[in-house]
């Protein structure tokens, strides 16, 4: 036989789980976001750039050995 403490505990667990499950999800009707506007693709330049990056000389380190 169930005692009062077990009945109250089960009732509280049932009520808490009902409230927790009731709070899940978005309220109201479901909807899909509007599609993004169509953007024409950007055209690449006809000839590739011929400039090459200039090599920079290495910096002298501040940790010089005696």
C-alpha atoms as a PDB file:
ATOM      1  CA  UNK A   1       0.000   0.000   0.000  1.00  0.00           C
ATOM      2  CA  UNK A   2       1.275   3.471  -0.849  1.00  0.00           C
ATOM      3  CA  UNK A   3       1.750   5.926   1.945  1.00  0.00           C
ATOM      4  CA  UNK A   4       1.082   9.650   1.757  1.00  0.00           C
ATOM      5  CA  UNK A   5       4.719  10.537   1.121  1.00  0.00           C
ATOM      6  CA  UNK A   6       4.975   8.270  -1.943  1.00  0.00           C
ATOM      7  CA  UNK A   7       1.698   9.583  -3.373  1.00  0.00           C
ATOM      8  CA  UNK A   8       2.823  13.207  -2.971  1.00  0.00           C
ATOM      9  CA  UNK A   9       6.252  12.492  -4.432  1.00  0.00           C
ATOM     10  CA  UNK A  10       4.803  10.748  -7.488  1.00  0.00           C
ATOM     11  CA  UNK A  11       2.272  13.533  -7.959  1.00  0.00           C
ATOM     12  CA  UNK A  12       4.976  16.196  -7.805  1.00  0.00           C
ATOM     13  CA  UNK A  13       7.172  14.315 -10.274  1.00  0.00           C
ATOM     14  CA  UNK A  14       4.225  13.887 -12.647  1.00  0.00           C
ATOM     15  CA  UNK A  15       3.290  17.579 -12.377  1.00  0.00           C
ATOM     16  CA  UNK A  16       6.892  18.745 -12.859  1.00  0.00           C
ATOM     17  CA  UNK A  17       7.411  16.555 -15.926  1.00  0.00           C
ATOM     18  CA  UNK A  18       4.096  17.734 -17.410  1.00  0.00           C
ATOM     19  CA  UNK A  19       5.118  21.379 -16.952  1.00  0.00           C
ATOM     20  CA  UNK A  20       8.606  20.732 -18.360  1.00  0.00           C
ATOM     21  CA  UNK A  21       7.267  18.968 -21.464  1.00  0.00           C
ATOM     22  CA  UNK A  22       4.583  21.619 -21.962  1.00  0.00           C
ATOM     23  CA  UNK A  23       7.236  24.348 -22.120  1.00  0.00           C
ATOM     24  CA  UNK A  24       9.201  22.704 -24.939  1.00  0.00           C
ATOM     25  CA  UNK A  25       9.041  23.965 -28.491  1.00  0.00           C
ATOM     26  CA  UNK A  26       7.830  27.040 -30.297  1.00  0.00           C
ATOM     27  CA  UNK A  27       4.329  28.260 -29.640  1.00  0.00           C
ATOM     28  CA  UNK A  28       2.050  28.988 -32.562  1.00  0.00           C
ATOM     29  CA  UNK A  29       1.951  27.636 -36.092  1.00  0.00           C
ATOM     30  CA  UNK A  30       5.071  26.336 -37.759  1.00  0.00           C
ATOM     31  CA  UNK A  31       6.465  28.267 -40.715  1.00  0.00           C
ATOM     32  CA  UNK A  32       9.356  28.167 -43.135  1.00  0.00           C
ATOM     33  CA  UNK A  33      11.628  31.200 -43.477  1.00  0.00           C
ATOM     34  CA  UNK A  34      11.353  33.065 -46.797  1.00  0.00           C
ATOM     35  CA  UNK A  35      13.886  32.042 -49.450  1.00  0.00           C
ATOM     36  CA  UNK A  36      16.926  34.322 -49.841  1.00  0.00           C
ATOM     37  CA  UNK A  37      16.848  36.728 -52.794  1.00  0.00           C
ATOM     38  CA  UNK A  38      18.562  35.516 -55.950  1.00  0.00           C
ATOM     39  CA  UNK A  39      21.945  37.171 -56.436  1.00  0.00           C
ATOM     40  CA  UNK A  40      23.741  36.878 -59.788  1.00  0.00           C
ATOM     41  CA  UNK A  41      27.193  35.282 -59.399  1.00  0.00           C
ATOM     42  CA  UNK A  42      30.162  37.619 -59.419  1.00  0.00           C
ATOM     43  CA  UNK A  43      32.372  37.329 -62.493  1.00  0.00           C
ATOM     44  CA  UNK A  44      36.055  36.575 -62.024  1.00  0.00           C
ATOM     45  CA  UNK A  45      38.597  38.735 -63.885  1.00  0.00           C
ATOM     46  CA  UNK A  46      39.482  37.437 -67.353  1.00  0.00           C
ATOM     47  CA  UNK A  47      43.234  37.484 -66.703  1.00  0.00           C
ATOM     48  CA  UNK A  48      44.774  36.456 -63.402  1.00  0.00           C
ATOM     49  CA  UNK A  49      46.797  38.983 -61.471  1.00  0.00           C
ATOM     50  CA  UNK A  50      50.470  38.839 -62.394  1.00  0.00           C
ATOM     51  CA  UNK A  51      51.796  40.651 -59.336  1.00  0.00           C
ATOM     52  CA  UNK A  52      53.671  38.363 -57.008  1.00  0.00           C
ATOM     53  CA  UNK A  53      54.001  39.084 -53.326  1.00  0.00           C
ATOM     54  CA  UNK A  54      57.328  40.618 -52.455  1.00  0.00           C
ATOM     55  CA  UNK A  55      59.466  38.606 -50.122  1.00  0.00           C
ATOM     56  CA  UNK A  56      60.189  40.498 -46.940  1.00  0.00           C
ATOM     57  CA  UNK A  57      63.600  40.039 -45.347  1.00  0.00           C
ATOM     58  CA  UNK A  58      63.576  38.272 -41.998  1.00  0.00           C
ATOM     59  CA  UNK A  59      63.543  40.510 -38.965  1.00  0.00           C
ATOM     60  CA  UNK A  60      66.560  40.344 -36.700  1.00  0.00           C
ATOM     61  CA  UNK A  61      65.665  38.662 -33.467  1.00  0.00           C
ATOM     62  CA  UNK A  62      65.893  40.571 -30.235  1.00  0.00           C
ATOM     63  CA  UNK A  63      67.395  37.539 -28.513  1.00  0.00           C
ATOM     64  CA  UNK A  64      71.029  37.914 -29.564  1.00  0.00           C
ATOM     65  CA  UNK A  65      73.559  35.528 -28.128  1.00  0.00           C
ATOM     66  CA  UNK A  66      76.675  37.085 -26.506  1.00  0.00           C
END
